[in-house]
C-alpha cells in the first residue's frame, strides 16, 4: 500500500505545468531586462545631451 502511494505520487504530473510556467515567465522577464538595459542607458545619455542643448538656448524678450 505504501509503495502504491509512493509510485502514484512520483508519477503525478499536476505540479509540473506550474513549474514550467514559472520557468518560462522568468526567462521572458530575464530576456526583457537584458534587451532593455542598453536602451535605458542610451536614453539617459540622450536626455543629458538634450538638457545641455535646452540650457544653451536664449530665453525671454531681450535675448532674441
PDB file of N, CA and C in Angstrom:
ATOM      1  N   UNK A   1       0.821  -1.183   0.000  1.00  0.00           N
ATOM      2  CA  UNK A   1       0.000   0.000   0.000  1.00  0.00           C
ATOM      3  C   UNK A   1       0.874   1.260   0.000  1.00  0.00           C
ATOM      4  N   UNK A   2       1.892   1.299   0.806  1.00  0.00           N
ATOM      5  CA  UNK A   2       2.783   2.452   0.848  1.00  0.00           C
ATOM      6  C   UNK A   2       3.532   2.597  -0.470  1.00  0.00           C
ATOM      7  N   UNK A   3       3.939   1.495  -1.059  1.00  0.00           N
ATOM      8  CA  UNK A   3       4.644   1.529  -2.335  1.00  0.00           C
ATOM      9  C   UNK A   3       3.714   2.036  -3.451  1.00  0.00           C
ATOM     10  N   UNK A   4       2.453   1.660  -3.392  1.00  0.00           N
ATOM     11  CA  UNK A   4       1.488   2.100  -4.394  1.00  0.00           C
ATOM     12  C   UNK A   4       1.284   3.613  -4.313  1.00  0.00           C
ATOM     13  N   UNK A   5       1.171   4.133  -3.088  1.00  0.00           N
ATOM     14  CA  UNK A   5       1.005   5.575  -2.907  1.00  0.00           C
ATOM     15  C   UNK A   5       2.257   6.325  -3.346  1.00  0.00           C
ATOM     16  N   UNK A   6       3.410   5.793  -3.028  1.00  0.00           N
ATOM     17  CA  UNK A   6       4.666   6.431  -3.427  1.00  0.00           C
ATOM     18  C   UNK A   6       4.804   6.443  -4.942  1.00  0.00           C
ATOM     19  N   UNK A   7       4.455   5.343  -5.582  1.00  0.00           N
ATOM     20  CA  UNK A   7       4.540   5.260  -7.034  1.00  0.00           C
ATOM     21  C   UNK A   7       3.554   6.239  -7.676  1.00  0.00           C
ATOM     22  N   UNK A   8       2.349   6.332  -7.142  1.00  0.00           N
ATOM     23  CA  UNK A   8       1.344   7.263  -7.649  1.00  0.00           C
ATOM     24  C   UNK A   8       1.832   8.699  -7.493  1.00  0.00           C
ATOM     25  N   UNK A   9       2.444   9.015  -6.353  1.00  0.00           N
ATOM     26  CA  UNK A   9       2.948  10.358  -6.088  1.00  0.00           C
ATOM     27  C   UNK A   9       4.085  10.713  -7.053  1.00  0.00           C
ATOM     28  N   UNK A  10       4.957   9.781  -7.320  1.00  0.00           N
ATOM     29  CA  UNK A  10       6.082  10.023  -8.225  1.00  0.00           C
ATOM     30  C   UNK A  10       5.628  10.195  -9.673  1.00  0.00           C
ATOM     31  N   UNK A  11       4.560   9.528 -10.070  1.00  0.00           N
ATOM     32  CA  UNK A  11       4.080   9.616 -11.441  1.00  0.00           C
ATOM     33  C   UNK A  11       3.109  10.773 -11.674  1.00  0.00           C
ATOM     34  N   UNK A  12       2.682  11.428 -10.598  1.00  0.00           N
ATOM     35  CA  UNK A  12       1.742  12.534 -10.685  1.00  0.00           C
ATOM     36  C   UNK A  12       2.440  13.760 -11.287  1.00  0.00           C
ATOM     37  N   UNK A  13       1.854  14.360 -12.332  1.00  0.00           N
ATOM     38  CA  UNK A  13       2.462  15.487 -13.012  1.00  0.00           C
ATOM     39  C   UNK A  13       1.640  16.771 -12.877  1.00  0.00           C
ATOM     40  N   UNK A  14       0.793  16.869 -11.881  1.00  0.00           N
ATOM     41  CA  UNK A  14      -0.061  18.045 -11.728  1.00  0.00           C
ATOM     42  C   UNK A  14       0.735  19.318 -11.494  1.00  0.00           C
ATOM     43  N   UNK A  15       1.772  19.298 -10.705  1.00  0.00           N
ATOM     44  CA  UNK A  15       2.559  20.497 -10.404  1.00  0.00           C
ATOM     45  C   UNK A  15       3.582  20.823 -11.465  1.00  0.00           C
ATOM     46  N   UNK A  16       3.839  19.920 -12.388  1.00  0.00           N
ATOM     47  CA  UNK A  16       4.877  20.137 -13.392  1.00  0.00           C
ATOM     48  C   UNK A  16       4.519  21.285 -14.330  1.00  0.00           C
ATOM     49  N   UNK A  17       3.253  21.466 -14.627  1.00  0.00           N
ATOM     50  CA  UNK A  17       2.830  22.545 -15.517  1.00  0.00           C
ATOM     51  C   UNK A  17       3.098  23.893 -14.855  1.00  0.00           C
ATOM     52  N   UNK A  18       2.856  23.993 -13.568  1.00  0.00           N
ATOM     53  CA  UNK A  18       3.116  25.232 -12.836  1.00  0.00           C
ATOM     54  C   UNK A  18       4.590  25.572 -12.873  1.00  0.00           C
ATOM     55  N   UNK A  19       5.430  24.601 -12.664  1.00  0.00           N
ATOM     56  CA  UNK A  19       6.872  24.829 -12.707  1.00  0.00           C
ATOM     57  C   UNK A  19       7.296  25.276 -14.094  1.00  0.00           C
ATOM     58  N   UNK A  20       6.741  24.686 -15.129  1.00  0.00           N
ATOM     59  CA  UNK A  20       7.056  25.088 -16.498  1.00  0.00           C
ATOM     60  C   UNK A  20       6.705  26.553 -16.736  1.00  0.00           C
ATOM     61  N   UNK A  21       5.538  26.978 -16.272  1.00  0.00           N
ATOM     62  CA  UNK A  21       5.125  28.364 -16.469  1.00  0.00           C
ATOM     63  C   UNK A  21       6.006  29.326 -15.690  1.00  0.00           C
ATOM     64  N   UNK A  22       6.394  28.957 -14.493  1.00  0.00           N
ATOM     65  CA  UNK A  22       7.269  29.823 -13.695  1.00  0.00           C
ATOM     66  C   UNK A  22       8.611  29.993 -14.393  1.00  0.00           C
ATOM     67  N   UNK A  23       9.178  28.918 -14.895  1.00  0.00           N
ATOM     68  CA  UNK A  23      10.458  28.989 -15.598  1.00  0.00           C
ATOM     69  C   UNK A  23      10.312  29.800 -16.880  1.00  0.00           C
ATOM     70  N   UNK A  24       9.231  29.599 -17.617  1.00  0.00           N
ATOM     71  CA  UNK A  24       9.009  30.339 -18.850  1.00  0.00           C
ATOM     72  C   UNK A  24       8.859  31.838 -18.583  1.00  0.00           C
ATOM     73  N   UNK A  25       8.084  32.190 -17.580  1.00  0.00           N
ATOM     74  CA  UNK A  25       7.908  33.611 -17.234  1.00  0.00           C
ATOM     75  C   UNK A  25       9.214  34.237 -16.772  1.00  0.00           C
ATOM     76  N   UNK A  26       9.992  33.517 -15.983  1.00  0.00           N
ATOM     77  CA  UNK A  26      11.291  34.039 -15.539  1.00  0.00           C
ATOM     78  C   UNK A  26      12.222  34.255 -16.727  1.00  0.00           C
ATOM     79  N   UNK A  27      12.190  33.367 -17.698  1.00  0.00           N
ATOM     80  CA  UNK A  27      13.038  33.522 -18.888  1.00  0.00           C
ATOM     81  C   UNK A  27      12.615  34.746 -19.707  1.00  0.00           C
ATOM     82  N   UNK A  28      11.319  34.947 -19.860  1.00  0.00           N
ATOM     83  CA  UNK A  28      10.829  36.108 -20.616  1.00  0.00           C
ATOM     84  C   UNK A  28      11.207  37.407 -19.907  1.00  0.00           C
ATOM     85  N   UNK A  29      11.050  37.454 -18.603  1.00  0.00           N
ATOM     86  CA  UNK A  29      11.408  38.654 -17.839  1.00  0.00           C
ATOM     87  C   UNK A  29      12.910  38.904 -17.920  1.00  0.00           C
ATOM     88  N   UNK A  30      13.698  37.851 -17.796  1.00  0.00           N
ATOM     89  CA  UNK A  30      15.151  37.987 -17.897  1.00  0.00           C
ATOM     90  C   UNK A  30      15.592  38.503 -19.254  1.00  0.00           C
ATOM     91  N   UNK A  31      15.005  37.977 -20.316  1.00  0.00           N
ATOM     92  CA  UNK A  31      15.356  38.444 -21.657  1.00  0.00           C
ATOM     93  C   UNK A  31      14.933  39.906 -21.848  1.00  0.00           C
ATOM     94  N   UNK A  32      13.797  40.266 -21.301  1.00  0.00           N
ATOM     95  CA  UNK A  32      13.357  41.662 -21.381  1.00  0.00           C
ATOM     96  C   UNK A  32      14.314  42.601 -20.683  1.00  0.00           C
ATOM     97  N   UNK A  33      14.818  42.191 -19.533  1.00  0.00           N
ATOM     98  CA  UNK A  33      15.775  43.018 -18.802  1.00  0.00           C
ATOM     99  C   UNK A  33      17.080  43.160 -19.582  1.00  0.00           C
ATOM    100  N   UNK A  34      17.524  42.080 -20.207  1.00  0.00           N
ATOM    101  CA  UNK A  34      18.758  42.121 -20.985  1.00  0.00           C
ATOM    102  C   UNK A  34      18.601  43.047 -22.183  1.00  0.00           C
ATOM    103  N   UNK A  35      17.451  43.008 -22.824  1.00  0.00           N
ATOM    104  CA  UNK A  35      17.221  43.837 -24.002  1.00  0.00           C
ATOM    105  C   UNK A  35      17.041  45.304 -23.617  1.00  0.00           C
ATOM    106  N   UNK A  36      16.360  45.581 -22.525  1.00  0.00           N
ATOM    107  CA  UNK A  36      16.053  46.959 -22.159  1.00  0.00           C
ATOM    108  C   UNK A  36      17.201  47.692 -21.466  1.00  0.00           C
ATOM    109  N   UNK A  37      18.178  46.996 -20.941  1.00  0.00           N
ATOM    110  CA  UNK A  37      19.274  47.651 -20.233  1.00  0.00           C
ATOM    111  C   UNK A  37      20.059  48.607 -21.137  1.00  0.00           C
ATOM    112  N   UNK A  38      20.481  48.219 -22.325  1.00  0.00           N
ATOM    113  CA  UNK A  38      21.198  49.187 -23.182  1.00  0.00           C
ATOM    114  C   UNK A  38      20.320  50.366 -23.607  1.00  0.00           C
ATOM    115  N   UNK A  39      19.040  50.128 -23.783  1.00  0.00           N
ATOM    116  CA  UNK A  39      18.128  51.203 -24.163  1.00  0.00           C
ATOM    117  C   UNK A  39      18.012  52.220 -23.037  1.00  0.00           C
ATOM    118  N   UNK A  40      17.962  51.755 -21.809  1.00  0.00           N
ATOM    119  CA  UNK A  40      17.855  52.659 -20.661  1.00  0.00           C
ATOM    120  C   UNK A  40      19.088  53.547 -20.559  1.00  0.00           C
ATOM    121  N   UNK A  41      20.269  53.006 -20.772  1.00  0.00           N
ATOM    122  CA  UNK A  41      21.483  53.808 -20.688  1.00  0.00           C
ATOM    123  C   UNK A  41      21.564  54.814 -21.830  1.00  0.00           C
ATOM    124  N   UNK A  42      21.158  54.450 -23.032  1.00  0.00           N
ATOM    125  CA  UNK A  42      21.201  55.402 -24.145  1.00  0.00           C
ATOM    126  C   UNK A  42      20.166  56.498 -23.959  1.00  0.00           C
ATOM    127  N   UNK A  43      19.043  56.186 -23.340  1.00  0.00           N
ATOM    128  CA  UNK A  43      18.027  57.203 -23.079  1.00  0.00           C
ATOM    129  C   UNK A  43      18.541  58.231 -22.087  1.00  0.00           C
ATOM    130  N   UNK A  44      19.246  57.781 -21.063  1.00  0.00           N
ATOM    131  CA  UNK A  44      19.828  58.699 -20.081  1.00  0.00           C
ATOM    132  C   UNK A  44      20.833  59.621 -20.750  1.00  0.00           C
ATOM    133  N   UNK A  45      21.651  59.085 -21.622  1.00  0.00           N
ATOM    134  CA  UNK A  45      22.642  59.881 -22.342  1.00  0.00           C
ATOM    135  C   UNK A  45      21.962  60.903 -23.245  1.00  0.00           C
ATOM    136  N   UNK A  46      20.937  60.486 -23.967  1.00  0.00           N
ATOM    137  CA  UNK A  46      20.219  61.399 -24.857  1.00  0.00           C
ATOM    138  C   UNK A  46      19.526  62.501 -24.065  1.00  0.00           C
ATOM    139  N   UNK A  47      18.991  62.173 -22.922  1.00  0.00           N
ATOM    140  CA  UNK A  47      18.331  63.164 -22.078  1.00  0.00           C
ATOM    141  C   UNK A  47      19.333  64.196 -21.578  1.00  0.00           C
ATOM    142  N   UNK A  48      20.511  63.760 -21.202  1.00  0.00           N
ATOM    143  CA  UNK A  48      21.539  64.690 -20.746  1.00  0.00           C
ATOM    144  C   UNK A  48      21.960  65.622 -21.874  1.00  0.00           C
ATOM    145  N   UNK A  49      22.133  65.099 -23.079  1.00  0.00           N
ATOM    146  CA  UNK A  49      22.500  65.935 -24.225  1.00  0.00           C
ATOM    147  C   UNK A  49      21.404  66.950 -24.534  1.00  0.00           C
ATOM    148  N   UNK A  50      20.162  66.525 -24.475  1.00  0.00           N
ATOM    149  CA  UNK A  50      19.042  67.423 -24.724  1.00  0.00           C
ATOM    150  C   UNK A  50      18.977  68.520 -23.665  1.00  0.00           C
ATOM    151  N   UNK A  51      19.243  68.166 -22.429  1.00  0.00           N
ATOM    152  CA  UNK A  51      19.239  69.140 -21.341  1.00  0.00           C
ATOM    153  C   UNK A  51      20.309  70.210 -21.561  1.00  0.00           C
ATOM    154  N   UNK A  52      21.485  69.811 -21.983  1.00  0.00           N
ATOM    155  CA  UNK A  52      22.564  70.766 -22.250  1.00  0.00           C
ATOM    156  C   UNK A  52      22.172  71.704 -23.391  1.00  0.00           C
ATOM    157  N   UNK A  53      21.558  71.159 -24.425  1.00  0.00           N
ATOM    158  CA  UNK A  53      21.122  71.972 -25.557  1.00  0.00           C
ATOM    159  C   UNK A  53      20.059  72.988 -25.143  1.00  0.00           C
ATOM    160  N   UNK A  54      19.076  72.554 -24.369  1.00  0.00           N
ATOM    161  CA  UNK A  54      17.990  73.446 -23.949  1.00  0.00           C
ATOM    162  C   UNK A  54      18.531  74.545 -23.035  1.00  0.00           C
ATOM    163  N   UNK A  55      19.497  74.232 -22.190  1.00  0.00           N
ATOM    164  CA  UNK A  55      20.084  75.248 -21.306  1.00  0.00           C
ATOM    165  C   UNK A  55      20.818  76.326 -22.098  1.00  0.00           C
ATOM    166  N   UNK A  56      21.329  75.986 -23.249  1.00  0.00           N
ATOM    167  CA  UNK A  56      22.089  76.955 -24.042  1.00  0.00           C
ATOM    168  C   UNK A  56      21.188  77.871 -24.880  1.00  0.00           C
ATOM    169  N   UNK A  57      19.910  77.590 -24.991  1.00  0.00           N
ATOM    170  CA  UNK A  57      19.004  78.418 -25.783  1.00  0.00           C
ATOM    171  C   UNK A  57      18.681  79.724 -25.066  1.00  0.00           C
ATOM    172  N   UNK A  58      18.619  80.820 -25.815  1.00  0.00           N
ATOM    173  CA  UNK A  58      18.248  82.106 -25.189  1.00  0.00           C
ATOM    174  C   UNK A  58      16.760  82.101 -24.833  1.00  0.00           C
ATOM    175  N   UNK A  59      16.429  82.711 -23.714  1.00  0.00           N
ATOM    176  CA  UNK A  59      15.062  82.723 -23.230  1.00  0.00           C
ATOM    177  C   UNK A  59      14.670  84.166 -22.909  1.00  0.00           C
ATOM    178  N   UNK A  60      13.467  84.544 -23.204  1.00  0.00           N
ATOM    179  CA  UNK A  60      12.952  85.858 -22.833  1.00  0.00           C
ATOM    180  C   UNK A  60      12.904  86.811 -24.021  1.00  0.00           C
ATOM    181  N   UNK A  61      12.395  88.021 -23.764  1.00  0.00           N
ATOM    182  CA  UNK A  61      12.210  89.009 -24.836  1.00  0.00           C
ATOM    183  C   UNK A  61      13.510  89.706 -25.202  1.00  0.00           C
ATOM    184  N   UNK A  62      14.373  89.924 -24.251  1.00  0.00           N
ATOM    185  CA  UNK A  62      15.577  90.697 -24.504  1.00  0.00           C
ATOM    186  C   UNK A  62      16.671  89.929 -25.227  1.00  0.00           C
ATOM    187  N   UNK A  63      16.577  88.601 -25.314  1.00  0.00           N
ATOM    188  CA  UNK A  63      17.660  87.799 -25.904  1.00  0.00           C
ATOM    189  C   UNK A  63      17.391  87.385 -27.345  1.00  0.00           C
ATOM    190  N   UNK A  64      16.344  87.884 -27.964  1.00  0.00           N
ATOM    191  CA  UNK A  64      16.017  87.452 -29.341  1.00  0.00           C
ATOM    192  C   UNK A  64      16.926  88.061 -30.323  1.00  0.00           C
TER     193      UNK A  64
END
